[in-house]
Amino acid sequence: MRLVKIIFLMLFLAAVSAYVCHFSGLRRLPIADDKWLWIQHVLHDQPPTEVDYVFIGSSRTWCAVRSRQIEAARHGERVWNLGRHWIGRDIDYLLLEQLLSRHRVRHVFIEIIGQEKFAPHAYAKYLVTPENVLKEAGYHLSRLRPVDYLTYSSQAKEVIKHLLSYSAELSVRWYRSVLTAGWLTVSGDRGRAAAVDAYEKSGGFYTRDNQVQPRPDFVERYGRFQPLFPVSKGPYLLPPESFPDYYLHRMRVLAERHGAELSFIFISDFGAVLPNNQAFERYRAMGEVYFPSLRRIYHSELWRDKNHLYGPGAVVLTDEIIRLLEEGASASEELGQYVPVIENNVR
């Protein structure tokens, strides 16, 4: 009886979710995140634009890739950096889907991350369409066997819990879209306009706190650190039916449909665990892999903290990206050049 009630609730929330996904108000939700407001501006407010290179990823991409530096080196080419807070393959896909539906993009780079994350991204619910909701629900339900439904197994509980949470969040989206409409009626769109203007003036670079000097606690811990380059022991990605792979393969199909070239680029943190060769082969099956030189950027004075390059460090990494754009992915450094230790030497 309990399972029947849960399924009924899930169907009800799914119906509400499919309905509220038609609301576009949430695309203009005044979230306190200037970069996200700029991304929404690019996706939905800009006229259709031809873009040569787009970088999609987490805050590592946002901080490390300086789009105007690339534009200056490659005259006449337009570059957008759509890095944003937090990791999530679902948000990567949704950004790519809405980007390609409006703009003509020649080459898309997707960030290779140190650890694929299975949880949905916090902002994904602001971009999904009814089709996205149905496809993701179908994917999760297809993972269950008939016996899982009959016995209400732990895997069935996990899937149903995820879908209930997903549907509930989308239901909240309707409520927030009403508030957003009211907010924009009263205040206009001054907050978004100010955020977009500030971001444009900054050169598309992450400007929070001090963008040049490393944090003191980072210098204290890593100032004399000579990183060994640890390599992952196990598979970097789970099997093709896993949540991250599901979205990665959909990104490849989407790019092919729109005539865009899809590649992957490794944006490291400081002392990262590197993908192993098996992982790189998985990515290479979906597109070219770009691997900038780590030896050029593994100097503590180039980093603000363990996860983010700032100022001079971003200039160095972007210079590496420019080199690879000119010479091609084949000019990437080979993973075998790095010391294949298993664990990080930082304690």
C-alpha atoms as a PDB file:
ATOM      1  CA  MET A   1       0.000   0.000   0.000  1.00  0.00           C
ATOM      2  CA  ARG A   2       2.844   2.342   0.864  1.00  0.00           C
ATOM      3  CA  LEU A   3       4.484   1.731  -2.510  1.00  0.00           C
ATOM      4  CA  VAL A   4       1.192   2.485  -4.296  1.00  0.00           C
ATOM      5  CA  LYS A   5       0.918   5.800  -2.437  1.00  0.00           C
ATOM      6  CA  ILE A   6       4.500   6.680  -3.315  1.00  0.00           C
ATOM      7  CA  ILE A   7       3.944   5.869  -6.995  1.00  0.00           C
ATOM      8  CA  PHE A   8       0.728   7.932  -7.007  1.00  0.00           C
ATOM      9  CA  LEU A   9       2.542  10.868  -5.404  1.00  0.00           C
ATOM     10  CA  MET A  10       5.370  10.514  -7.907  1.00  0.00           C
ATOM     11  CA  LEU A  11       2.968  10.555 -10.867  1.00  0.00           C
ATOM     12  CA  PHE A  12       1.179  13.604  -9.453  1.00  0.00           C
ATOM     13  CA  LEU A  13       4.434  15.500  -8.959  1.00  0.00           C
ATOM     14  CA  ALA A  14       5.618  14.429 -12.415  1.00  0.00           C
ATOM     15  CA  ALA A  15       2.458  15.895 -13.948  1.00  0.00           C
ATOM     16  CA  VAL A  16       2.988  19.156 -12.073  1.00  0.00           C
ATOM     17  CA  SER A  17       6.661  19.140 -13.092  1.00  0.00           C
ATOM     18  CA  ALA A  18       5.896  18.631 -16.776  1.00  0.00           C
ATOM     19  CA  TYR A  19       3.472  21.544 -16.628  1.00  0.00           C
ATOM     20  CA  VAL A  20       5.699  24.020 -14.813  1.00  0.00           C
ATOM     21  CA  CYS A  21       8.653  23.277 -17.103  1.00  0.00           C
ATOM     22  CA  HIS A  22       6.839  25.342 -19.733  1.00  0.00           C
ATOM     23  CA  PHE A  23       7.323  28.457 -17.603  1.00  0.00           C
ATOM     24  CA  SER A  24      10.225  30.562 -18.814  1.00  0.00           C
ATOM     25  CA  GLY A  25      10.134  32.895 -15.801  1.00  0.00           C
ATOM     26  CA  LEU A  26      12.732  30.849 -13.957  1.00  0.00           C
ATOM     27  CA  ARG A  27      15.247  31.550 -16.711  1.00  0.00           C
ATOM     28  CA  ARG A  28      15.236  35.083 -15.368  1.00  0.00           C
ATOM     29  CA  LEU A  29      15.215  34.136 -11.698  1.00  0.00           C
ATOM     30  CA  PRO A  30      17.247  36.697  -9.701  1.00  0.00           C
ATOM     31  CA  ILE A  31      19.644  34.164  -8.162  1.00  0.00           C
ATOM     32  CA  ALA A  32      22.470  35.741  -6.164  1.00  0.00           C
ATOM     33  CA  ASP A  33      25.083  34.446  -8.608  1.00  0.00           C
ATOM     34  CA  ASP A  34      26.414  36.994 -11.084  1.00  0.00           C
ATOM     35  CA  LYS A  35      28.025  34.440 -13.385  1.00  0.00           C
ATOM     36  CA  TRP A  36      24.806  32.452 -13.628  1.00  0.00           C
ATOM     37  CA  LEU A  37      22.878  35.637 -14.455  1.00  0.00           C
ATOM     38  CA  TRP A  38      25.394  36.325 -17.224  1.00  0.00           C
ATOM     39  CA  ILE A  39      24.995  32.767 -18.560  1.00  0.00           C
ATOM     40  CA  GLN A  40      21.215  33.194 -18.604  1.00  0.00           C
ATOM     41  CA  HIS A  41      21.719  36.477 -20.462  1.00  0.00           C
ATOM     42  CA  VAL A  42      23.869  34.714 -23.078  1.00  0.00           C
ATOM     43  CA  LEU A  43      21.471  31.796 -23.497  1.00  0.00           C
ATOM     44  CA  HIS A  44      18.192  33.658 -23.658  1.00  0.00           C
ATOM     45  CA  ASP A  45      18.676  37.406 -24.171  1.00  0.00           C
ATOM     46  CA  GLN A  46      21.434  37.584 -26.777  1.00  0.00           C
ATOM     47  CA  PRO A  47      20.445  37.508 -30.464  1.00  0.00           C
ATOM     48  CA  PRO A  48      21.546  34.355 -32.335  1.00  0.00           C
ATOM     49  CA  THR A  49      25.333  34.575 -32.537  1.00  0.00           C
ATOM     50  CA  GLU A  50      28.155  32.697 -34.258  1.00  0.00           C
ATOM     51  CA  VAL A  51      30.673  31.535 -31.652  1.00  0.00           C
ATOM     52  CA  ASP A  52      33.959  29.805 -32.421  1.00  0.00           C
ATOM     53  CA  TYR A  53      34.801  28.267 -29.027  1.00  0.00           C
ATOM     54  CA  VAL A  54      32.651  27.612 -25.959  1.00  0.00           C
ATOM     55  CA  PHE A  55      34.013  26.173 -22.707  1.00  0.00           C
ATOM     56  CA  ILE A  56      31.519  24.427 -20.403  1.00  0.00           C
ATOM     57  CA  GLY A  57      32.468  23.236 -16.931  1.00  0.00           C
ATOM     58  CA  SER A  58      32.697  23.985 -13.236  1.00  0.00           C
ATOM     59  CA  SER A  59      34.276  26.945 -11.432  1.00  0.00           C
ATOM     60  CA  ARG A  60      37.696  25.555 -12.424  1.00  0.00           C
ATOM     61  CA  THR A  61      36.875  26.341 -16.045  1.00  0.00           C
ATOM     62  CA  TRP A  62      35.314  29.654 -15.060  1.00  0.00           C
ATOM     63  CA  CYS A  63      38.478  30.773 -13.225  1.00  0.00           C
ATOM     64  CA  ALA A  64      41.112  29.263 -15.515  1.00  0.00           C
ATOM     65  CA  VAL A  65      39.957  30.048 -19.061  1.00  0.00           C
ATOM     66  CA  ARG A  66      40.291  33.713 -20.059  1.00  0.00           C
ATOM     67  CA  SER A  67      38.121  34.147 -23.127  1.00  0.00           C
ATOM     68  CA  ARG A  68      39.417  37.596 -24.108  1.00  0.00           C
ATOM     69  CA  GLN A  69      43.007  36.378 -24.020  1.00  0.00           C
ATOM     70  CA  ILE A  70      42.068  33.671 -26.531  1.00  0.00           C
ATOM     71  CA  GLU A  71      40.177  36.184 -28.686  1.00  0.00           C
ATOM     72  CA  ALA A  72      43.210  38.499 -28.722  1.00  0.00           C
ATOM     73  CA  ALA A  73      45.490  35.650 -29.830  1.00  0.00           C
ATOM     74  CA  ARG A  74      43.075  34.289 -32.440  1.00  0.00           C
ATOM     75  CA  HIS A  75      41.947  37.438 -34.221  1.00  0.00           C
ATOM     76  CA  GLY A  76      38.313  37.602 -35.259  1.00  0.00           C
ATOM     77  CA  GLU A  77      37.218  34.547 -33.271  1.00  0.00           C
ATOM     78  CA  ARG A  78      34.579  34.708 -30.533  1.00  0.00           C
ATOM     79  CA  VAL A  79      35.003  32.755 -27.274  1.00  0.00           C
ATOM     80  CA  TRP A  80      32.494  32.184 -24.458  1.00  0.00           C
ATOM     81  CA  ASN A  81      33.360  30.739 -21.057  1.00  0.00           C
ATOM     82  CA  LEU A  82      30.245  29.097 -19.572  1.00  0.00           C
ATOM     83  CA  GLY A  83      31.955  27.726 -16.480  1.00  0.00           C
ATOM     84  CA  ARG A  84      29.851  28.126 -13.338  1.00  0.00           C
ATOM     85  CA  HIS A  85      29.668  27.006  -9.712  1.00  0.00           C
ATOM     86  CA  TRP A  86      29.780  23.253  -8.971  1.00  0.00           C
ATOM     87  CA  ILE A  87      30.077  20.052 -10.959  1.00  0.00           C
ATOM     88  CA  GLY A  88      27.181  18.389 -12.767  1.00  0.00           C
ATOM     89  CA  ARG A  89      26.900  16.569 -16.079  1.00  0.00           C
ATOM     90  CA  ASP A  90      23.163  17.268 -16.211  1.00  0.00           C
ATOM     91  CA  ILE A  91      23.746  21.033 -16.149  1.00  0.00           C
ATOM     92  CA  ASP A  92      26.552  20.644 -18.742  1.00  0.00           C
ATOM     93  CA  TYR A  93      24.073  18.947 -21.073  1.00  0.00           C
ATOM     94  CA  LEU A  94      21.258  21.429 -20.449  1.00  0.00           C
ATOM     95  CA  LEU A  95      23.578  24.386 -21.058  1.00  0.00           C
ATOM     96  CA  LEU A  96      24.799  22.802 -24.292  1.00  0.00           C
ATOM     97  CA  GLU A  97      21.251  22.011 -25.414  1.00  0.00           C
ATOM     98  CA  GLN A  98      19.975  25.553 -24.919  1.00  0.00           C
ATOM     99  CA  LEU A  99      23.188  27.074 -26.274  1.00  0.00           C
ATOM    100  CA  LEU A 100      23.016  25.128 -29.550  1.00  0.00           C
ATOM    101  CA  SER A 101      19.281  25.704 -29.949  1.00  0.00           C
ATOM    102  CA  ARG A 102      19.901  29.477 -30.175  1.00  0.00           C
ATOM    103  CA  HIS A 103      23.499  30.045 -31.255  1.00  0.00           C
ATOM    104  CA  ARG A 104      25.746  28.595 -33.944  1.00  0.00           C
ATOM    105  CA  VAL A 105      28.836  27.145 -32.251  1.00  0.00           C
ATOM    106  CA  ARG A 106      31.832  25.709 -34.072  1.00  0.00           C
ATOM    107  CA  HIS A 107      33.713  23.967 -31.256  1.00  0.00           C
ATOM    108  CA  VAL A 108      32.610  23.052 -27.703  1.00  0.00           C
ATOM    109  CA  PHE A 109      35.025  22.052 -24.933  1.00  0.00           C
ATOM    110  CA  ILE A 110      33.665  20.066 -21.974  1.00  0.00           C
ATOM    111  CA  GLU A 111      35.708  20.013 -18.770  1.00  0.00           C
ATOM    112  CA  ILE A 112      37.098  16.650 -17.674  1.00  0.00           C
ATOM    113  CA  ILE A 113      36.618  16.535 -13.927  1.00  0.00           C
ATOM    114  CA  GLY A 114      38.547  14.678 -11.263  1.00  0.00           C
ATOM    115  CA  GLN A 115      35.546  12.757  -9.996  1.00  0.00           C
ATOM    116  CA  GLU A 116      32.318  12.286 -11.908  1.00  0.00           C
ATOM    117  CA  LYS A 117      29.401  13.369  -9.743  1.00  0.00           C
ATOM    118  CA  PHE A 118      26.078  11.543  -9.733  1.00  0.00           C
ATOM    119  CA  ALA A 119      23.922  14.066  -7.862  1.00  0.00           C
ATOM    120  CA  PRO A 120      21.889  16.547  -9.925  1.00  0.00           C
ATOM    121  CA  HIS A 121      23.242  20.080 -10.174  1.00  0.00           C
ATOM    122  CA  ALA A 122      21.462  22.668  -8.025  1.00  0.00           C
ATOM    123  CA  TYR A 123      20.627  24.829 -11.060  1.00  0.00           C
ATOM    124  CA  ALA A 124      19.473  22.037 -13.384  1.00  0.00           C
ATOM    125  CA  LYS A 125      15.831  22.519 -12.422  1.00  0.00           C
ATOM    126  CA  TYR A 126      15.940  26.062 -13.825  1.00  0.00           C
ATOM    127  CA  LEU A 127      16.700  24.841 -17.357  1.00  0.00           C
ATOM    128  CA  VAL A 128      14.847  21.539 -17.819  1.00  0.00           C
ATOM    129  CA  THR A 129      12.018  21.113 -20.309  1.00  0.00           C
ATOM    130  CA  PRO A 130       9.218  18.497 -20.161  1.00  0.00           C
ATOM    131  CA  GLU A 131      11.222  16.348 -22.592  1.00  0.00           C
ATOM    132  CA  ASN A 132      14.265  16.466 -20.279  1.00  0.00           C
ATOM    133  CA  VAL A 133      12.139  15.423 -17.301  1.00  0.00           C
ATOM    134  CA  LEU A 134      10.568  12.469 -19.108  1.00  0.00           C
ATOM    135  CA  LYS A 135      13.880  11.253 -20.540  1.00  0.00           C
ATOM    136  CA  GLU A 136      15.665  11.387 -17.192  1.00  0.00           C
ATOM    137  CA  ALA A 137      12.765   9.647 -15.425  1.00  0.00           C
ATOM    138  CA  GLY A 138      12.808   6.966 -18.128  1.00  0.00           C
ATOM    139  CA  TYR A 139      16.561   6.518 -17.736  1.00  0.00           C
ATOM    140  CA  HIS A 140      16.330   5.996 -13.965  1.00  0.00           C
ATOM    141  CA  LEU A 141      13.319   3.668 -14.177  1.00  0.00           C
ATOM    142  CA  SER A 142      15.006   1.603 -16.911  1.00  0.00           C
ATOM    143  CA  ARG A 143      17.781   0.764 -14.438  1.00  0.00           C
ATOM    144  CA  LEU A 144      15.307  -1.226 -12.340  1.00  0.00           C
ATOM    145  CA  ARG A 145      14.459  -4.880 -12.922  1.00  0.00           C
ATOM    146  CA  PRO A 146      10.917  -6.240 -12.462  1.00  0.00           C
ATOM    147  CA  VAL A 147      12.016  -7.844  -9.198  1.00  0.00           C
ATOM    148  CA  ASP A 148      13.067  -4.410  -7.898  1.00  0.00           C
ATOM    149  CA  TYR A 149       9.511  -3.166  -8.325  1.00  0.00           C
ATOM    150  CA  LEU A 150       7.998  -6.272  -6.723  1.00  0.00           C
ATOM    151  CA  THR A 151      10.299  -6.338  -3.701  1.00  0.00           C
ATOM    152  CA  TYR A 152      10.793  -2.573  -3.388  1.00  0.00           C
ATOM    153  CA  SER A 153      14.542  -3.177  -3.324  1.00  0.00           C
ATOM    154  CA  SER A 154      17.168  -0.723  -2.095  1.00  0.00           C
ATOM    155  CA  GLN A 155      17.863   0.295  -5.705  1.00  0.00           C
ATOM    156  CA  ALA A 156      14.144   0.932  -6.270  1.00  0.00           C
ATOM    157  CA  LYS A 157      14.065   3.063  -3.116  1.00  0.00           C
ATOM    158  CA  GLU A 158      17.080   5.031  -4.348  1.00  0.00           C
ATOM    159  CA  VAL A 159      15.542   5.695  -7.781  1.00  0.00           C
ATOM    160  CA  ILE A 160      12.120   6.614  -6.392  1.00  0.00           C
ATOM    161  CA  LYS A 161      13.690   8.888  -3.779  1.00  0.00           C
ATOM    162  CA  HIS A 162      15.636  10.677  -6.518  1.00  0.00           C
ATOM    163  CA  LEU A 163      12.573  11.093  -8.749  1.00  0.00           C
ATOM    164  CA  LEU A 164      10.436  12.319  -5.850  1.00  0.00           C
ATOM    165  CA  SER A 165      13.088  14.870  -4.937  1.00  0.00           C
ATOM    166  CA  TYR A 166      13.467  15.911  -8.576  1.00  0.00           C
ATOM    167  CA  SER A 167       9.723  16.313  -9.057  1.00  0.00           C
ATOM    168  CA  ALA A 168       9.316  18.184  -5.785  1.00  0.00           C
ATOM    169  CA  GLU A 169      12.045  20.654  -6.770  1.00  0.00           C
ATOM    170  CA  LEU A 170      10.349  21.260 -10.096  1.00  0.00           C
ATOM    171  CA  SER A 171       7.050  21.824  -8.312  1.00  0.00           C
ATOM    172  CA  VAL A 172       8.728  24.500  -6.216  1.00  0.00           C
ATOM    173  CA  ARG A 173       9.869  26.032  -9.499  1.00  0.00           C
ATOM    174  CA  TRP A 174       6.253  26.983 -10.262  1.00  0.00           C
ATOM    175  CA  TYR A 175       5.950  28.840  -6.963  1.00  0.00           C
ATOM    176  CA  ARG A 176       9.253  30.610  -7.481  1.00  0.00           C
ATOM    177  CA  SER A 177       8.359  31.537 -11.060  1.00  0.00           C
ATOM    178  CA  VAL A 178       5.308  33.401  -9.747  1.00  0.00           C
ATOM    179  CA  LEU A 179       7.515  35.250  -7.257  1.00  0.00           C
ATOM    180  CA  THR A 180      10.000  36.000 -10.035  1.00  0.00           C
ATOM    181  CA  ALA A 181       7.305  37.478 -12.246  1.00  0.00           C
ATOM    182  CA  GLY A 182       6.235  39.700  -9.358  1.00  0.00           C
ATOM    183  CA  TRP A 183       9.811  40.671  -8.561  1.00  0.00           C
ATOM    184  CA  LEU A 184      10.552  41.701 -12.147  1.00  0.00           C
ATOM    185  CA  THR A 185       7.308  43.675 -12.333  1.00  0.00           C
ATOM    186  CA  VAL A 186       8.294  45.693  -9.259  1.00  0.00           C
ATOM    187  CA  SER A 187      12.052  46.054  -9.734  1.00  0.00           C
ATOM    188  CA  GLY A 188      12.514  45.696 -13.459  1.00  0.00           C
ATOM    189  CA  ASP A 189      15.687  43.794 -14.338  1.00  0.00           C
ATOM    190  CA  ARG A 190      18.249  46.108 -12.758  1.00  0.00           C
ATOM    191  CA  GLY A 191      19.980  43.343 -10.805  1.00  0.00           C
ATOM    192  CA  ARG A 192      20.625  41.258 -13.901  1.00  0.00           C
ATOM    193  CA  ALA A 193      21.694  44.278 -15.927  1.00  0.00           C
ATOM    194  CA  ALA A 194      24.192  45.275 -13.219  1.00  0.00           C
ATOM    195  CA  ALA A 195      25.554  41.716 -12.978  1.00  0.00           C
ATOM    196  CA  VAL A 196      25.982  41.418 -16.743  1.00  0.00           C
ATOM    197  CA  ASP A 197      27.637  44.836 -16.953  1.00  0.00           C
ATOM    198  CA  ALA A 198      30.076  44.013 -14.118  1.00  0.00           C
ATOM    199  CA  TYR A 199      30.939  40.680 -15.684  1.00  0.00           C
ATOM    200  CA  GLU A 200      31.547  42.228 -19.102  1.00  0.00           C
ATOM    201  CA  LYS A 201      33.781  44.934 -17.618  1.00  0.00           C
ATOM    202  CA  SER A 202      35.840  42.327 -15.758  1.00  0.00           C
ATOM    203  CA  GLY A 203      36.754  40.637 -19.025  1.00  0.00           C
ATOM    204  CA  GLY A 204      34.711  37.557 -18.235  1.00  0.00           C
ATOM    205  CA  PHE A 205      36.909  36.629 -15.310  1.00  0.00           C
ATOM    206  CA  TYR A 206      36.095  35.508 -11.793  1.00  0.00           C
ATOM    207  CA  THR A 207      36.521  38.636  -9.667  1.00  0.00           C
ATOM    208  CA  ARG A 208      35.387  37.587  -6.195  1.00  0.00           C
ATOM    209  CA  ASP A 209      37.896  38.336  -3.404  1.00  0.00           C
ATOM    210  CA  ASN A 210      41.512  38.761  -4.518  1.00  0.00           C
ATOM    211  CA  GLN A 211      42.012  37.475  -8.041  1.00  0.00           C
ATOM    212  CA  VAL A 212      45.789  37.872  -8.134  1.00  0.00           C
ATOM    213  CA  GLN A 213      47.419  36.699  -4.922  1.00  0.00           C
ATOM    214  CA  PRO A 214      47.008  33.220  -3.413  1.00  0.00           C
ATOM    215  CA  ARG A 215      45.225  32.880  -0.106  1.00  0.00           C
ATOM    216  CA  PRO A 216      47.630  32.893   2.897  1.00  0.00           C
ATOM    217  CA  ASP A 217      46.485  29.484   4.149  1.00  0.00           C
ATOM    218  CA  PHE A 218      47.123  28.019   0.690  1.00  0.00           C
ATOM    219  CA  VAL A 219      50.660  29.428   0.596  1.00  0.00           C
ATOM    220  CA  GLU A 220      51.338  28.104   4.088  1.00  0.00           C
ATOM    221  CA  ARG A 221      50.322  24.582   3.128  1.00  0.00           C
ATOM    222  CA  TYR A 222      51.526  24.339  -0.461  1.00  0.00           C
ATOM    223  CA  GLY A 223      54.280  26.955  -0.745  1.00  0.00           C
ATOM    224  CA  ARG A 224      57.070  24.348  -0.865  1.00  0.00           C
ATOM    225  CA  PHE A 225      54.953  21.620  -2.412  1.00  0.00           C
ATOM    226  CA  GLN A 226      56.390  19.766  -5.407  1.00  0.00           C
ATOM    227  CA  PRO A 227      53.464  17.669  -6.608  1.00  0.00           C
ATOM    228  CA  LEU A 228      53.890  14.091  -7.785  1.00  0.00           C
ATOM    229  CA  PHE A 229      51.088  13.554 -10.281  1.00  0.00           C
ATOM    230  CA  PRO A 230      48.894  10.830  -8.747  1.00  0.00           C
ATOM    231  CA  VAL A 231      47.010   8.602 -11.173  1.00  0.00           C
ATOM    232  CA  SER A 232      43.625   7.059 -10.486  1.00  0.00           C
ATOM    233  CA  LYS A 233      43.736   3.326  -9.714  1.00  0.00           C
ATOM    234  CA  GLY A 234      40.258   2.405 -10.903  1.00  0.00           C
ATOM    235  CA  PRO A 235      37.976   3.289 -13.802  1.00  0.00           C
ATOM    236  CA  TYR A 236      37.533   7.012 -14.123  1.00  0.00           C
ATOM    237  CA  LEU A 237      33.962   6.635 -15.332  1.00  0.00           C
ATOM    238  CA  LEU A 238      31.446   3.980 -14.422  1.00  0.00           C
ATOM    239  CA  PRO A 239      29.812   1.801 -17.096  1.00  0.00           C
ATOM    240  CA  PRO A 240      27.945   3.434 -20.006  1.00  0.00           C
ATOM    241  CA  GLU A 241      24.598   3.226 -18.211  1.00  0.00           C
ATOM    242  CA  SER A 242      25.882   5.405 -15.345  1.00  0.00           C
ATOM    243  CA  PHE A 243      24.367   8.841 -14.744  1.00  0.00           C
ATOM    244  CA  PRO A 244      27.435  10.870 -15.914  1.00  0.00           C
ATOM    245  CA  ASP A 245      27.957   8.724 -19.020  1.00  0.00           C
ATOM    246  CA  TYR A 246      24.260   9.033 -19.870  1.00  0.00           C
ATOM    247  CA  TYR A 247      24.649  12.795 -20.204  1.00  0.00           C
ATOM    248  CA  LEU A 248      28.107  12.684 -21.806  1.00  0.00           C
ATOM    249  CA  HIS A 249      26.829  10.502 -24.649  1.00  0.00           C
ATOM    250  CA  ARG A 250      23.774  12.722 -25.070  1.00  0.00           C
ATOM    251  CA  MET A 251      26.128  15.711 -25.396  1.00  0.00           C
ATOM    252  CA  ARG A 252      28.013  13.980 -28.197  1.00  0.00           C
ATOM    253  CA  VAL A 253      24.788  13.190 -30.093  1.00  0.00           C
ATOM    254  CA  LEU A 254      23.533  16.747 -29.581  1.00  0.00           C
ATOM    255  CA  ALA A 255      26.761  18.293 -30.889  1.00  0.00           C
ATOM    256  CA  GLU A 256      26.727  16.056 -33.975  1.00  0.00           C
ATOM    257  CA  ARG A 257      23.110  17.010 -34.685  1.00  0.00           C
ATOM    258  CA  HIS A 258      23.992  20.717 -34.663  1.00  0.00           C
ATOM    259  CA  GLY A 259      27.262  20.365 -36.575  1.00  0.00           C
ATOM    260  CA  ALA A 260      29.445  21.406 -33.621  1.00  0.00           C
ATOM    261  CA  GLU A 261      32.750  19.747 -32.812  1.00  0.00           C
ATOM    262  CA  LEU A 262      32.803  18.306 -29.267  1.00  0.00           C
ATOM    263  CA  SER A 263      36.088  17.925 -27.370  1.00  0.00           C
ATOM    264  CA  PHE A 264      37.146  17.397 -23.772  1.00  0.00           C
ATOM    265  CA  ILE A 265      39.743  19.365 -21.830  1.00  0.00           C
ATOM    266  CA  PHE A 266      41.389  18.537 -18.503  1.00  0.00           C
ATOM    267  CA  ILE A 267      41.238  21.505 -16.125  1.00  0.00           C
ATOM    268  CA  SER A 268      43.301  20.423 -13.144  1.00  0.00           C
ATOM    269  CA  ASP A 269      43.210  21.404  -9.524  1.00  0.00           C
ATOM    270  CA  PHE A 270      46.459  21.641  -7.532  1.00  0.00           C
ATOM    271  CA  GLY A 271      47.689  18.118  -6.789  1.00  0.00           C
ATOM    272  CA  ALA A 272      44.852  16.477  -8.715  1.00  0.00           C
ATOM    273  CA  VAL A 273      44.399  12.775  -9.151  1.00  0.00           C
ATOM    274  CA  LEU A 274      44.827  12.343 -12.887  1.00  0.00           C
ATOM    275  CA  PRO A 275      42.581  10.198 -15.079  1.00  0.00           C
ATOM    276  CA  ASN A 276      44.142   6.874 -16.001  1.00  0.00           C
ATOM    277  CA  ASN A 277      44.643   5.702 -19.586  1.00  0.00           C
ATOM    278  CA  GLN A 278      41.375   3.762 -19.546  1.00  0.00           C
ATOM    279  CA  ALA A 279      39.519   6.946 -18.650  1.00  0.00           C
ATOM    280  CA  PHE A 280      41.151   8.939 -21.417  1.00  0.00           C
ATOM    281  CA  GLU A 281      40.171   6.262 -23.925  1.00  0.00           C
ATOM    282  CA  ARG A 282      36.552   6.566 -22.791  1.00  0.00           C
ATOM    283  CA  TYR A 283      36.640  10.296 -23.444  1.00  0.00           C
ATOM    284  CA  ARG A 284      38.490   9.847 -26.743  1.00  0.00           C
ATOM    285  CA  ALA A 285      35.649   7.591 -27.915  1.00  0.00           C
ATOM    286  CA  MET A 286      33.374  10.645 -27.674  1.00  0.00           C
ATOM    287  CA  GLY A 287      35.718  13.382 -28.932  1.00  0.00           C
ATOM    288  CA  GLU A 288      39.286  14.673 -28.913  1.00  0.00           C
ATOM    289  CA  VAL A 289      40.977  15.133 -25.537  1.00  0.00           C
ATOM    290  CA  TYR A 290      43.065  18.234 -24.807  1.00  0.00           C
ATOM    291  CA  PHE A 291      45.577  17.897 -21.971  1.00  0.00           C
ATOM    292  CA  PRO A 292      47.405  21.170 -21.162  1.00  0.00           C
ATOM    293  CA  SER A 293      50.855  20.931 -19.592  1.00  0.00           C
ATOM    294  CA  LEU A 294      50.569  20.561 -15.828  1.00  0.00           C
ATOM    295  CA  ARG A 295      54.238  21.327 -15.271  1.00  0.00           C
ATOM    296  CA  ARG A 296      53.671  24.916 -16.386  1.00  0.00           C
ATOM    297  CA  ILE A 297      50.883  25.531 -13.882  1.00  0.00           C
ATOM    298  CA  TYR A 298      51.928  23.454 -10.864  1.00  0.00           C
ATOM    299  CA  HIS A 299      53.516  26.347  -8.987  1.00  0.00           C
ATOM    300  CA  SER A 300      51.790  27.504  -5.823  1.00  0.00           C
ATOM    301  CA  GLU A 301      52.161  31.212  -6.640  1.00  0.00           C
ATOM    302  CA  LEU A 302      49.838  30.728  -9.642  1.00  0.00           C
ATOM    303  CA  TRP A 303      46.914  29.463  -7.561  1.00  0.00           C
ATOM    304  CA  ARG A 304      44.430  31.193  -5.294  1.00  0.00           C
ATOM    305  CA  ASP A 305      43.432  27.946  -3.566  1.00  0.00           C
ATOM    306  CA  LYS A 306      43.602  24.227  -4.254  1.00  0.00           C
ATOM    307  CA  ASN A 307      40.812  24.307  -6.822  1.00  0.00           C
ATOM    308  CA  HIS A 308      41.162  27.610  -8.651  1.00  0.00           C
ATOM    309  CA  LEU A 309      43.774  29.330 -10.770  1.00  0.00           C
ATOM    310  CA  TYR A 310      43.705  33.117 -10.533  1.00  0.00           C
ATOM    311  CA  GLY A 311      45.469  36.018 -12.248  1.00  0.00           C
ATOM    312  CA  PRO A 312      48.858  34.884 -13.587  1.00  0.00           C
ATOM    313  CA  GLY A 313      47.918  31.207 -13.294  1.00  0.00           C
ATOM    314  CA  ALA A 314      44.877  31.636 -15.518  1.00  0.00           C
ATOM    315  CA  VAL A 315      47.044  33.492 -18.037  1.00  0.00           C
ATOM    316  CA  VAL A 316      49.494  30.558 -18.130  1.00  0.00           C
ATOM    317  CA  LEU A 317      46.789  27.918 -18.575  1.00  0.00           C
ATOM    318  CA  THR A 318      44.978  29.975 -21.210  1.00  0.00           C
ATOM    319  CA  ASP A 319      48.294  30.330 -23.046  1.00  0.00           C
ATOM    320  CA  GLU A 320      48.495  26.513 -23.034  1.00  0.00           C
ATOM    321  CA  ILE A 321      44.976  26.321 -24.449  1.00  0.00           C
ATOM    322  CA  ILE A 322      45.917  28.769 -27.225  1.00  0.00           C
ATOM    323  CA  ARG A 323      48.910  26.572 -28.082  1.00  0.00           C
ATOM    324  CA  LEU A 324      46.681  23.493 -28.295  1.00  0.00           C
ATOM    325  CA  LEU A 325      44.122  25.318 -30.439  1.00  0.00           C
ATOM    326  CA  GLU A 326      46.901  26.167 -32.884  1.00  0.00           C
ATOM    327  CA  GLU A 327      48.647  22.788 -32.860  1.00  0.00           C
ATOM    328  CA  GLY A 328      45.684  20.473 -32.219  1.00  0.00           C
ATOM    329  CA  ALA A 329      44.856  17.913 -29.548  1.00  0.00           C
ATOM    330  CA  SER A 330      47.772  15.755 -30.715  1.00  0.00           C
ATOM    331  CA  ALA A 331      50.117  18.351 -29.175  1.00  0.00           C
ATOM    332  CA  SER A 332      48.762  17.542 -25.707  1.00  0.00           C
ATOM    333  CA  GLU A 333      51.173  16.158 -23.162  1.00  0.00           C
ATOM    334  CA  GLU A 334      50.998  12.424 -22.640  1.00  0.00           C
ATOM    335  CA  LEU A 335      49.807  11.123 -19.307  1.00  0.00           C
ATOM    336  CA  GLY A 336      52.858   8.854 -19.145  1.00  0.00           C
ATOM    337  CA  GLN A 337      55.138  11.890 -18.678  1.00  0.00           C
ATOM    338  CA  TYR A 338      53.877  12.240 -15.126  1.00  0.00           C
ATOM    339  CA  VAL A 339      54.984  10.219 -12.103  1.00  0.00           C
ATOM    340  CA  PRO A 340      52.459   7.371 -11.734  1.00  0.00           C
ATOM    341  CA  VAL A 341      52.113   7.408  -7.957  1.00  0.00           C
ATOM    342  CA  ILE A 342      48.850   6.208  -6.482  1.00  0.00           C
ATOM    343  CA  GLU A 343      48.246   8.630  -3.630  1.00  0.00           C
ATOM    344  CA  ASN A 344      48.814  12.325  -3.166  1.00  0.00           C
ATOM    345  CA  ASN A 345      51.912  13.261  -1.174  1.00  0.00           C
ATOM    346  CA  VAL A 346      50.071  15.983   0.747  1.00  0.00           C
ATOM    347  CA  ARG A 347      49.148  15.046   4.289  1.00  0.00           C
END
